[in-house]
Amino acid sequence: MAGRDQATLPGTDDDLLELATLEKHLWAAADKLRGSIDSADYKNYIFGLLFLKRANDRFDEETEEVAEELGIAEATAREDRDLHEEFWIPERARWDHIKGQETDIGAALNKALAAIEDENDAIADRVLTTVDFNDKERLPDSLLSDLVSHFSKHRYRNEDLEDPDIFGRAYEYLIREFADDAGKKGGEFYTPREVVRLIVKCVNPEPGDRVYDPCVGSGGMLIYSAEHIREQGGDMEDISLYGQEKNLNTWAIGQMNVLLHELYDAQIKKGDTITDPKLVTKHDELEVFDRVIANPMWNQKEWNKDWVEENEPYNRFPYGLPPSNRGDWAWIQLMIASLNETGKAGVVMDNGVLFRSRSEKKIRKPILENDLVEAVIALPENLFYNTSSPGCILILNKDKPEEREGTVHFIYAEDQTLRESDVQVFEELSNQNQLTDEGVEYLAETYQTGREEDHHSRLVDLEEIEENDWNLNVPRYVDTTEPEEPIDVSQKLRELDRLAEERAKTDEELQQYMEELEYR
């Protein structure tokens, strides 16, 4: 195979792999697939190779560490399964074996990934084998050989990385770029990191909490929940993470994502959360959590309303069922049902959930009357890959602080720059808008502190919301009208005088021309 003699990156301080270099290298791998497969499918192949190479390099690194610690030969440490605490890489899955293949490389890759699954309980449930590399029409040996050689250019050992979490950050970069490249189709499994950060900062998970995402996608909300603990001075392992995902390929990406962030205890289940919830107790009761966060599909059609009417076993929808072609309030109720008595949830939704009438209003009204809605944040438009609609964040709380009881905090974040505080909420990029770091921090702080600010945020009593027929549209409660430009009367009078003077001068010149014409 070409590139067998590619040098690996030495693990010296001067040569540590930086995030920008790693991102460029990984995106170059995706470029090699252009023209062969659809851009929305890049992730399925690149992530498999990425995980395989990373697991191999960590296996080699762990082998050397164990050999040195125990004073044994590396060959002995390499072949002793019991000496490896992370992933065990069997012979046919080792990178040197893959590099040595001249033909049928796709079949060799399939066997390697399957062998790793067979030997490691953490990924035993088809995490890696959701994609078929043995498709010679789209992935000929020449292309796969080029990809394997490309991944051989750098080592992915911990000692080679600038930051222990750089690999997870690069992984998220690829998820974001794939969503960008694939457009709406790719955006189905990716929520922009800035929106994720805002939700997590608002629900504020704490050490010891159990956090759940019922439509986990690529796992970003769970991962940032763990990172949030670390930002507060704790350890990422001080939080328990749970999720469920219906789409097989997306589920596999989420599994690999948490593993690459070394969140080995995270439990991401596979299946339809509505018809087949996996997170139930041994007594067949719905598990409950301290925090629930999600970005479900907006206005989901065919969300299994008929099944719920006939089969729902856990009473997750006590406030009623939304239309069969619009499942938003089903997801919101599912999240409420998954909260413990002091739990809090954050969910991204289409703005229609705030004001649509009929069956959705019948659900919204009792949820408000039970004082479960703590805040509504109106987001800017064009933040998401799969829609240009602005969307909103609902914060739900089963244990509101006393000073917030009977109120809803409305926060308007659609202005690019806040009028009173001059905070820039978002910036306009070439393809879409993006929340700024300053905007994320300010919005989260506004919610956490209950801050009220003209044209931006206001705490509203439930009585006023009832007067508005249980409508939660933020501009009903926060003045978002643009101020009229003030008129300087003196300046306008001076302008009129100047215009009158110019007109008089023009009339005089016209009169002179007329006289000259009559004379001739």
Protein backbone atom coordinates (compact mmCIF):
# COMPACT_ATOMS: atom_id res chain seq x y z
CA MET A 1 0.00 0.00 0.00
CA ALA A 2 1.29 3.47 -0.86
CA GLY A 3 2.37 5.59 2.07
CA ARG A 4 3.42 2.64 4.26
CA ASP A 5 6.54 4.51 5.23
CA GLN A 6 4.76 7.68 6.29
CA ALA A 7 6.35 9.18 9.40
CA THR A 8 4.25 9.43 12.49
CA LEU A 9 4.16 12.51 14.62
CA PRO A 10 6.72 12.36 17.43
CA GLY A 11 5.46 12.95 20.93
CA THR A 12 7.71 15.83 21.82
CA ASP A 13 6.60 19.17 23.22
CA ASP A 14 7.81 21.01 20.11
CA ASP A 15 5.77 18.77 17.83
CA LEU A 16 2.51 18.46 19.73
CA LEU A 17 -0.47 18.29 17.41
CA GLU A 18 -2.51 21.50 17.58
CA LEU A 19 -6.24 21.73 17.04
CA ALA A 20 -6.01 23.76 13.81
CA THR A 21 -3.59 21.25 12.29
CA LEU A 22 -5.75 18.31 13.28
CA GLU A 23 -8.90 19.95 11.93
CA LYS A 24 -7.23 20.67 8.60
CA HIS A 25 -5.91 17.12 8.39
CA LEU A 26 -9.30 15.55 9.10
CA TRP A 27 -11.15 17.78 6.67
CA ALA A 28 -8.61 16.88 3.98
CA ALA A 29 -9.66 13.26 4.47
CA ALA A 30 -13.25 14.24 3.73
CA ASP A 31 -12.09 16.05 0.57
CA LYS A 32 -10.80 12.75 -0.75
CA LEU A 33 -14.36 11.40 -0.71
CA ARG A 34 -15.84 14.24 -2.76
CA GLY A 35 -17.37 12.95 -5.96
CA SER A 36 -17.50 9.38 -4.68
CA ILE A 37 -20.27 9.63 -2.10
CA ASP A 38 -22.87 12.16 -1.01
CA SER A 39 -21.53 14.82 1.35
CA ALA A 40 -24.16 13.92 3.95
CA ASP A 41 -22.55 10.46 4.15
CA TYR A 42 -18.94 11.60 4.66
CA LYS A 43 -19.30 11.30 8.40
CA ASN A 44 -20.10 7.60 8.27
CA TYR A 45 -16.76 6.73 6.65
CA ILE A 46 -14.43 9.36 8.11
CA PHE A 47 -15.61 8.77 11.67
CA GLY A 48 -15.05 5.04 11.36
CA LEU A 49 -11.48 5.49 10.12
CA LEU A 50 -10.83 8.21 12.66
CA PHE A 51 -11.98 6.03 15.53
CA LEU A 52 -10.01 3.03 14.24
CA LYS A 53 -6.76 5.00 14.01
CA ARG A 54 -7.26 6.70 17.38
CA ALA A 55 -8.04 3.38 19.10
CA ASN A 56 -4.94 1.80 17.55
CA ASP A 57 -2.65 4.63 18.63
CA ARG A 58 -4.01 4.58 22.18
CA PHE A 59 -3.58 0.79 22.23
CA ASP A 60 0.08 1.16 21.23
CA GLU A 61 0.60 3.91 23.80
CA GLU A 62 -1.03 1.87 26.56
CA THR A 63 1.08 -1.15 25.57
CA GLU A 64 4.29 0.83 26.06
CA GLU A 65 3.06 2.30 29.35
CA VAL A 66 2.11 -1.11 30.75
CA ALA A 67 5.38 -2.69 29.62
CA GLU A 68 7.41 0.04 31.32
CA GLU A 69 5.32 -0.03 34.49
CA LEU A 70 5.50 -3.82 34.88
CA GLY A 71 9.00 -4.24 33.50
CA ILE A 72 7.92 -6.68 30.81
CA ALA A 73 8.47 -6.91 27.08
CA GLU A 74 6.18 -4.81 24.88
CA ALA A 75 5.28 -7.91 22.89
CA THR A 76 4.02 -9.54 26.08
CA ALA A 77 2.05 -6.48 27.11
CA ARG A 78 0.58 -6.13 23.63
CA GLU A 79 -0.91 -9.63 23.57
CA ASP A 80 -2.20 -9.82 27.15
CA ARG A 81 -5.85 -8.77 27.03
CA ASP A 82 -6.10 -8.35 30.81
CA LEU A 83 -3.39 -5.65 30.86
CA HIS A 84 -5.42 -3.22 28.73
CA GLU A 85 -8.00 -1.05 30.50
CA GLU A 86 -9.13 0.88 27.41
CA PHE A 87 -9.78 -0.71 24.02
CA TRP A 88 -8.36 -4.10 23.14
CA ILE A 89 -7.27 -4.21 19.50
CA PRO A 90 -7.07 -7.73 18.05
CA GLU A 91 -4.47 -8.57 15.41
CA ARG A 92 -6.67 -8.16 12.35
CA ALA A 93 -7.77 -4.70 13.50
CA ARG A 94 -4.28 -3.30 14.05
CA TRP A 95 -3.19 -0.43 11.88
CA ASP A 96 -0.09 -2.14 10.50
CA HIS A 97 -2.31 -4.98 9.31
CA ILE A 98 -4.66 -2.52 7.58
CA LYS A 99 -1.76 -0.65 5.96
CA GLY A 100 -0.39 -3.93 4.63
CA GLN A 101 -3.48 -4.64 2.52
CA GLU A 102 -3.05 -4.18 -1.23
CA THR A 103 -6.48 -5.43 -2.34
CA ASP A 104 -9.92 -5.84 -0.77
CA ILE A 105 -9.14 -3.01 1.62
CA GLY A 106 -12.83 -2.34 2.25
CA ALA A 107 -13.37 -5.92 3.41
CA ALA A 108 -10.32 -5.65 5.67
CA LEU A 109 -11.69 -2.46 7.23
CA ASN A 110 -15.11 -4.06 7.81
CA LYS A 111 -13.47 -7.03 9.53
CA ALA A 112 -11.24 -4.77 11.62
CA LEU A 113 -14.15 -2.68 12.91
CA ALA A 114 -16.24 -5.77 13.60
CA ALA A 115 -13.33 -7.35 15.49
CA ILE A 116 -12.99 -4.29 17.76
CA GLU A 117 -16.71 -4.43 18.51
CA ASP A 118 -16.48 -8.13 19.33
CA GLU A 119 -13.66 -7.52 21.80
CA ASN A 120 -14.95 -4.40 23.57
CA ASP A 121 -18.23 -4.28 25.47
CA ALA A 122 -18.42 -0.47 25.31
CA ILE A 123 -18.95 -0.58 21.55
CA ALA A 124 -20.34 -4.09 21.11
CA ASP A 125 -23.71 -2.99 19.76
CA ARG A 126 -22.80 -2.09 16.18
CA VAL A 127 -21.20 1.27 16.91
CA LEU A 128 -18.54 0.91 14.23
CA THR A 129 -20.17 -1.39 11.69
CA THR A 130 -23.04 0.90 10.72
CA VAL A 131 -21.27 1.61 7.41
CA ASP A 132 -20.00 -0.74 4.72
CA PHE A 133 -16.49 0.03 3.46
CA ASN A 134 -16.66 -2.90 1.05
CA ASP A 135 -18.44 -1.00 -1.73
CA LYS A 136 -15.97 -1.06 -4.57
CA GLU A 137 -18.09 1.01 -6.94
CA ARG A 138 -17.99 4.01 -4.62
CA LEU A 139 -14.90 3.10 -2.58
CA PRO A 140 -12.31 1.44 -4.83
CA ASP A 141 -9.09 0.10 -3.33
CA SER A 142 -7.18 3.10 -4.69
CA LEU A 143 -9.37 5.55 -2.74
CA LEU A 144 -9.29 3.53 0.48
CA SER A 145 -5.51 3.09 0.17
CA ASP A 146 -5.19 6.85 -0.15
CA LEU A 147 -7.38 7.38 2.92
CA VAL A 148 -5.43 4.88 5.04
CA SER A 149 -2.15 6.51 3.97
CA HIS A 150 -3.59 9.91 4.84
CA PHE A 151 -4.52 8.80 8.37
CA SER A 152 -1.03 7.30 8.75
CA LYS A 153 0.57 10.76 8.57
CA HIS A 154 -0.13 11.59 12.21
CA ARG A 155 -0.20 9.70 15.47
CA TYR A 156 -3.18 10.14 17.74
CA ARG A 157 -1.66 9.12 21.04
CA ASN A 158 -2.43 11.25 24.08
CA GLU A 159 1.23 12.21 24.31
CA ASP A 160 1.04 13.68 20.80
CA LEU A 161 -1.91 15.96 21.46
CA GLU A 162 -1.70 19.57 22.57
CA ASP A 163 -4.75 19.13 24.79
CA PRO A 164 -6.18 15.83 26.11
CA ASP A 165 -9.60 16.87 24.75
CA ILE A 166 -8.30 18.09 21.39
CA PHE A 167 -9.49 14.92 19.71
CA GLY A 168 -13.04 15.36 20.94
CA ARG A 169 -12.97 19.02 19.90
CA ALA A 170 -11.72 18.09 16.43
CA TYR A 171 -14.46 15.48 16.23
CA GLU A 172 -17.05 18.14 16.97
CA TYR A 173 -15.43 20.34 14.32
CA LEU A 174 -15.98 17.60 11.75
CA ILE A 175 -19.60 17.13 12.85
CA ARG A 176 -20.16 20.86 12.42
CA GLU A 177 -18.41 20.99 9.06
CA PHE A 178 -20.29 17.96 7.78
CA ALA A 179 -23.55 19.64 8.75
CA ASP A 180 -22.44 22.81 6.95
CA ASP A 181 -21.32 20.91 3.87
CA ALA A 182 -24.42 18.74 3.72
CA GLY A 183 -26.80 21.62 4.33
CA LYS A 184 -30.24 20.80 5.65
CA LYS A 185 -29.74 17.05 5.58
CA GLY A 186 -26.58 17.27 7.67
CA GLY A 187 -28.15 19.69 10.13
CA GLU A 188 -30.61 17.05 11.29
CA PHE A 189 -28.03 15.57 13.66
CA TYR A 190 -26.13 18.68 14.72
CA THR A 191 -27.12 21.55 17.01
CA PRO A 192 -24.72 24.52 16.80
CA ARG A 193 -22.30 24.43 19.71
CA GLU A 194 -23.21 27.96 20.82
CA VAL A 195 -26.88 27.02 21.18
CA VAL A 196 -25.87 23.89 23.12
CA ARG A 197 -23.69 25.97 25.45
CA LEU A 198 -26.56 28.38 26.10
CA ILE A 199 -29.00 25.62 27.02
CA VAL A 200 -26.50 23.84 29.27
CA LYS A 201 -25.54 27.07 31.03
CA CYS A 202 -29.21 27.77 31.67
CA VAL A 203 -30.06 24.35 33.13
CA ASN A 204 -26.68 24.36 34.93
CA PRO A 205 -26.00 20.66 35.65
CA GLU A 206 -24.05 20.08 38.86
CA PRO A 207 -21.66 17.33 40.04
CA GLY A 208 -23.57 14.14 40.74
CA ASP A 209 -26.44 15.01 38.39
CA ARG A 210 -28.00 12.57 35.94
CA VAL A 211 -28.46 14.23 32.54
CA TYR A 212 -30.66 12.84 29.76
CA ASP A 213 -31.15 13.67 26.07
CA PRO A 214 -34.09 11.73 24.56
CA CYS A 215 -33.06 12.51 20.96
CA VAL A 216 -29.33 12.61 21.49
CA GLY A 217 -28.10 12.95 17.90
CA SER A 218 -24.32 13.28 17.84
CA GLY A 219 -24.17 13.65 21.63
CA GLY A 220 -23.13 17.30 21.81
CA MET A 221 -25.51 18.29 24.60
CA LEU A 222 -24.38 15.45 26.84
CA ILE A 223 -20.71 16.14 26.17
CA TYR A 224 -21.01 19.84 26.89
CA SER A 225 -22.86 19.02 30.12
CA ALA A 226 -19.74 17.14 31.22
CA GLU A 227 -17.50 19.97 30.01
CA HIS A 228 -19.66 22.41 31.97
CA ILE A 229 -18.82 20.48 35.15
CA ARG A 230 -15.12 20.76 34.29
CA GLU A 231 -15.45 24.50 33.64
CA GLN A 232 -16.87 24.87 37.15
CA GLY A 233 -13.78 23.19 38.61
CA GLY A 234 -15.09 19.63 38.73
CA ASP A 235 -14.28 16.47 36.80
CA MET A 236 -16.12 15.41 33.65
CA GLU A 237 -16.68 12.02 35.27
CA ASP A 238 -18.66 13.63 38.09
CA ILE A 239 -21.81 13.53 35.98
CA SER A 240 -23.89 10.64 34.63
CA LEU A 241 -24.97 10.88 31.00
CA TYR A 242 -27.85 9.11 29.27
CA GLY A 243 -29.44 9.35 25.86
CA GLN A 244 -31.43 7.60 23.17
CA GLU A 245 -31.36 7.94 19.38
CA LYS A 246 -33.50 6.35 16.68
CA ASN A 247 -31.28 6.81 13.62
CA LEU A 248 -28.68 4.04 13.52
CA ASN A 249 -25.86 6.01 11.88
CA THR A 250 -26.45 9.04 14.08
CA TRP A 251 -26.56 6.82 17.17
CA ALA A 252 -23.16 5.37 16.19
CA ILE A 253 -21.72 8.88 15.80
CA GLY A 254 -23.02 9.82 19.24
CA GLN A 255 -21.46 6.68 20.73
CA MET A 256 -18.08 7.37 19.13
CA ASN A 257 -18.28 11.01 20.17
CA VAL A 258 -18.69 10.26 23.89
CA LEU A 259 -15.99 7.57 23.71
CA LEU A 260 -13.54 9.94 22.03
CA HIS A 261 -14.22 12.41 24.84
CA GLU A 262 -13.32 9.53 27.21
CA LEU A 263 -16.81 9.51 28.71
CA TYR A 264 -16.84 5.74 28.89
CA ASP A 265 -19.77 5.46 31.32
CA ALA A 266 -22.20 7.41 29.12
CA GLN A 267 -25.20 5.29 28.17
CA ILE A 268 -26.64 6.00 24.73
CA LYS A 269 -29.44 3.63 23.84
CA LYS A 270 -30.64 2.78 20.36
CA GLY A 271 -34.31 2.98 19.42
CA ASP A 272 -37.39 5.19 19.08
CA THR A 273 -37.78 7.09 22.35
CA ILE A 274 -41.54 7.50 21.92
CA THR A 275 -42.52 3.93 21.06
CA ASP A 276 -39.64 2.06 22.68
CA PRO A 277 -38.11 4.01 25.59
CA LYS A 278 -35.01 2.15 26.77
CA LEU A 279 -34.28 4.04 29.97
CA VAL A 280 -36.66 2.31 32.36
CA THR A 281 -36.09 0.76 35.76
CA LYS A 282 -36.06 -2.95 36.53
CA HIS A 283 -39.62 -2.47 37.77
CA ASP A 284 -40.57 -1.14 34.31
CA GLU A 285 -40.97 2.44 35.47
CA LEU A 286 -39.70 5.42 33.52
CA GLU A 287 -36.29 6.59 34.73
CA VAL A 288 -36.14 10.22 35.85
CA PHE A 289 -33.25 12.67 35.77
CA ASP A 290 -31.94 15.88 37.29
CA ARG A 291 -31.55 17.56 33.91
CA VAL A 292 -33.12 16.85 30.52
CA ILE A 293 -31.89 18.66 27.42
CA ALA A 294 -32.81 18.16 23.78
CA ASN A 295 -33.29 19.57 20.30
CA PRO A 296 -36.02 17.34 18.85
CA MET A 297 -37.07 17.45 15.23
CA TRP A 298 -39.32 20.49 14.85
CA ASN A 299 -42.91 19.98 13.69
CA GLN A 300 -42.26 16.27 13.38
CA LYS A 301 -44.71 14.56 11.11
CA GLU A 302 -45.86 11.04 11.86
CA TRP A 303 -44.59 11.10 15.45
CA ASN A 304 -46.53 7.90 16.27
CA LYS A 305 -49.64 9.51 17.74
CA ASP A 306 -51.73 6.44 16.87
CA TRP A 307 -49.32 4.19 18.77
CA VAL A 308 -49.40 6.48 21.82
CA GLU A 309 -53.21 6.49 21.88
CA GLU A 310 -53.28 2.70 21.90
CA ASN A 311 -50.13 1.65 23.76
CA GLU A 312 -48.51 4.37 25.91
CA PRO A 313 -47.38 2.57 29.10
CA TYR A 314 -45.73 5.34 31.14
CA ASN A 315 -48.28 8.20 31.21
CA ARG A 316 -45.79 10.57 29.59
CA PHE A 317 -48.47 12.68 27.87
CA PRO A 318 -50.96 13.62 30.60
CA TYR A 319 -51.76 17.06 29.15
CA GLY A 320 -53.09 15.75 25.85
CA LEU A 321 -51.77 14.83 22.41
CA PRO A 322 -50.72 17.32 19.72
CA PRO A 323 -51.71 16.82 16.06
CA SER A 324 -50.34 13.71 14.36
CA ASN A 325 -48.33 15.88 11.95
CA ARG A 326 -46.76 18.10 14.62
CA GLY A 327 -45.09 16.33 17.54
CA ASP A 328 -43.47 19.27 19.38
CA TRP A 329 -45.64 19.15 22.50
CA ALA A 330 -45.28 15.37 22.65
CA TRP A 331 -41.50 15.81 23.02
CA ILE A 332 -41.92 18.57 25.59
CA GLN A 333 -44.22 16.38 27.69
CA LEU A 334 -41.86 13.43 27.33
CA MET A 335 -39.09 15.60 28.76
CA ILE A 336 -41.26 16.79 31.65
CA ALA A 337 -42.15 13.17 32.45
CA SER A 338 -38.42 12.33 32.53
CA LEU A 339 -37.64 14.94 35.22
CA ASN A 340 -37.39 14.09 38.89
CA GLU A 341 -39.15 16.24 41.50
CA THR A 342 -36.46 18.93 41.45
CA GLY A 343 -35.51 18.52 37.77
CA LYS A 344 -35.01 21.15 35.12
CA ALA A 345 -35.16 20.84 31.32
CA GLY A 346 -34.04 22.91 28.35
CA VAL A 347 -35.42 22.28 24.87
CA VAL A 348 -34.97 23.97 21.48
CA MET A 349 -38.24 24.31 19.59
CA ASP A 350 -39.92 25.99 16.64
CA ASN A 351 -41.62 29.25 17.63
CA GLY A 352 -44.99 27.78 16.70
CA VAL A 353 -45.17 25.94 20.04
CA LEU A 354 -45.49 29.34 21.71
CA PHE A 355 -48.70 30.47 20.07
CA ARG A 356 -50.42 27.78 17.98
CA SER A 357 -54.01 27.23 19.05
CA ARG A 358 -56.44 24.30 19.20
CA SER A 359 -54.97 21.07 20.58
CA GLU A 360 -51.55 22.65 21.22
CA LYS A 361 -53.07 25.47 23.24
CA LYS A 362 -55.00 22.86 25.26
CA ILE A 363 -51.64 21.31 26.20
CA ARG A 364 -49.80 24.60 26.76
CA LYS A 365 -52.45 26.02 29.11
CA PRO A 366 -52.32 23.36 31.88
CA ILE A 367 -48.53 23.15 31.69
CA LEU A 368 -48.44 26.89 32.37
CA GLU A 369 -51.11 26.60 35.07
CA ASN A 370 -48.94 23.98 36.77
CA ASP A 371 -46.13 26.57 36.73
CA LEU A 372 -43.69 24.36 34.81
CA VAL A 373 -42.45 26.96 32.30
CA GLU A 374 -39.71 29.10 33.80
CA ALA A 375 -38.34 30.93 30.76
CA VAL A 376 -38.77 31.44 27.01
CA ILE A 377 -35.78 32.65 25.00
CA ALA A 378 -36.51 33.90 21.46
CA LEU A 379 -33.46 33.06 19.32
CA PRO A 380 -32.19 34.89 16.22
CA GLU A 381 -33.10 33.55 12.80
CA ASN A 382 -30.76 31.47 10.64
CA LEU A 383 -28.82 29.83 13.50
CA PHE A 384 -29.52 26.25 12.44
CA TYR A 385 -28.43 24.25 9.41
CA ASN A 386 -31.78 22.63 8.69
CA THR A 387 -33.96 25.75 8.86
CA SER A 388 -33.69 29.53 8.69
CA SER A 389 -36.52 29.90 11.23
CA PRO A 390 -35.49 31.61 14.47
CA GLY A 391 -36.63 29.01 17.01
CA CYS A 392 -36.77 29.35 20.78
CA ILE A 393 -35.55 27.74 23.98
CA LEU A 394 -38.01 26.66 26.66
CA ILE A 395 -36.70 26.23 30.20
CA LEU A 396 -38.95 23.93 32.22
CA ASN A 397 -38.58 23.60 35.98
CA LYS A 398 -40.38 21.33 38.43
CA ASP A 399 -38.86 23.18 41.38
CA LYS A 400 -38.93 26.91 40.65
CA PRO A 401 -37.30 29.16 43.25
CA GLU A 402 -39.88 30.97 45.34
CA GLU A 403 -39.22 34.34 43.72
CA ARG A 404 -39.95 32.87 40.26
CA GLU A 405 -43.17 31.09 41.17
CA GLY A 406 -46.17 32.21 39.12
CA THR A 407 -44.02 33.95 36.49
CA VAL A 408 -42.39 33.28 33.14
CA HIS A 409 -39.15 35.01 32.17
CA PHE A 410 -39.36 36.21 28.57
CA ILE A 411 -36.00 36.91 26.90
CA TYR A 412 -35.80 38.46 23.43
CA ALA A 413 -32.53 37.65 21.67
CA GLU A 414 -33.42 38.37 18.04
CA ASP A 415 -31.73 41.79 18.01
CA GLN A 416 -28.14 41.52 16.85
CA THR A 417 -27.12 44.12 19.45
CA LEU A 418 -29.12 44.75 22.61
CA ARG A 419 -30.32 48.35 22.75
CA GLU A 420 -29.72 49.05 26.43
CA SER A 421 -26.60 47.03 27.29
CA ASP A 422 -25.01 47.12 23.81
CA VAL A 423 -24.22 43.39 24.01
CA GLN A 424 -23.70 41.75 20.61
CA VAL A 425 -25.93 38.67 20.66
CA PHE A 426 -24.88 37.18 17.33
CA GLU A 427 -22.68 37.79 14.33
CA GLU A 428 -23.52 37.30 10.67
CA LEU A 429 -21.36 34.69 8.97
CA SER A 430 -21.29 33.89 5.26
CA ASN A 431 -23.94 31.15 5.43
CA GLN A 432 -25.70 31.70 8.73
CA ASN A 433 -25.75 33.57 12.01
CA GLN A 434 -23.80 32.48 15.09
CA LEU A 435 -24.28 33.40 18.74
CA THR A 436 -21.25 35.19 20.14
CA ASP A 437 -19.48 34.09 23.31
CA GLU A 438 -20.53 37.40 24.82
CA GLY A 439 -24.12 36.77 23.77
CA VAL A 440 -24.21 33.25 25.23
CA GLU A 441 -22.81 34.43 28.57
CA TYR A 442 -25.16 37.41 28.77
CA LEU A 443 -28.30 35.47 27.86
CA ALA A 444 -27.50 32.72 30.37
CA GLU A 445 -26.77 35.30 33.07
CA THR A 446 -30.02 37.14 32.25
CA TYR A 447 -31.95 33.94 32.85
CA GLN A 448 -30.00 32.82 35.92
CA THR A 449 -30.31 36.18 37.68
CA GLY A 450 -33.85 37.00 36.57
CA ARG A 451 -32.57 40.24 35.04
CA GLU A 452 -35.10 42.55 33.42
CA GLU A 453 -33.95 44.89 30.66
CA ASP A 454 -35.93 47.15 28.33
CA HIS A 455 -36.43 45.65 24.85
CA HIS A 456 -34.72 42.43 26.00
CA SER A 457 -36.15 40.65 29.04
CA ARG A 458 -39.09 40.76 31.40
CA LEU A 459 -40.63 38.64 34.17
CA VAL A 460 -44.35 38.24 33.50
CA ASP A 461 -47.06 37.02 35.88
CA LEU A 462 -49.22 34.10 34.79
CA GLU A 463 -52.29 36.35 35.11
CA GLU A 464 -51.01 38.50 32.22
CA ILE A 465 -50.26 35.38 30.16
CA GLU A 466 -53.80 34.15 30.80
CA GLU A 467 -55.11 37.53 29.60
CA ASN A 468 -53.17 36.89 26.40
CA ASP A 469 -54.96 33.54 25.98
CA TRP A 470 -51.89 31.54 27.07
CA ASN A 471 -49.84 32.84 24.17
CA LEU A 472 -46.07 32.70 24.87
CA ASN A 473 -44.85 34.69 21.87
CA VAL A 474 -42.05 36.80 23.35
CA PRO A 475 -42.86 40.12 21.54
CA ARG A 476 -46.23 40.13 23.30
CA TYR A 477 -44.44 40.74 26.58
CA VAL A 478 -41.17 42.43 25.60
CA ASP A 479 -41.28 45.70 23.64
CA THR A 480 -39.43 44.90 20.42
CA THR A 481 -40.65 47.84 18.33
CA GLU A 482 -38.02 49.98 16.71
CA PRO A 483 -37.97 53.56 18.08
CA GLU A 484 -38.87 56.31 15.64
CA GLU A 485 -36.11 58.64 14.65
CA PRO A 486 -36.40 61.89 16.69
CA ILE A 487 -37.17 64.98 14.64
CA ASP A 488 -35.07 68.12 15.15
CA VAL A 489 -37.68 70.82 14.42
CA SER A 490 -35.14 73.66 14.21
CA GLN A 491 -33.05 71.73 11.71
CA LYS A 492 -36.11 70.94 9.60
CA LEU A 493 -37.15 74.62 9.58
CA ARG A 494 -33.67 75.62 8.46
CA GLU A 495 -33.87 72.98 5.72
CA LEU A 496 -37.21 74.41 4.56
CA ASP A 497 -35.76 77.92 4.48
CA ARG A 498 -32.83 76.68 2.39
CA LEU A 499 -35.13 74.92 -0.04
CA ALA A 500 -37.33 78.01 -0.34
CA GLU A 501 -34.26 80.12 -1.07
CA GLU A 502 -33.10 77.68 -3.75
CA ARG A 503 -36.57 77.67 -5.32
CA ALA A 504 -36.66 81.45 -5.43
CA LYS A 505 -33.27 81.50 -7.11
CA THR A 506 -34.41 78.90 -9.65
CA ASP A 507 -37.60 80.89 -10.39
CA GLU A 508 -35.54 84.02 -10.97
CA GLU A 509 -33.22 82.23 -13.41
CA LEU A 510 -36.19 80.77 -15.27
CA GLN A 511 -37.75 84.21 -15.56
CA GLN A 512 -34.56 85.58 -17.09
CA TYR A 513 -34.48 82.78 -19.67
CA MET A 514 -38.09 83.47 -20.63
CA GLU A 515 -37.43 87.15 -21.13
CA GLU A 516 -34.46 86.37 -23.34
CA LEU A 517 -36.54 84.02 -25.48
CA GLU A 518 -39.29 86.66 -25.93
CA TYR A 519 -36.72 89.26 -26.91
CA ARG A 520 -35.37 87.07 -29.71
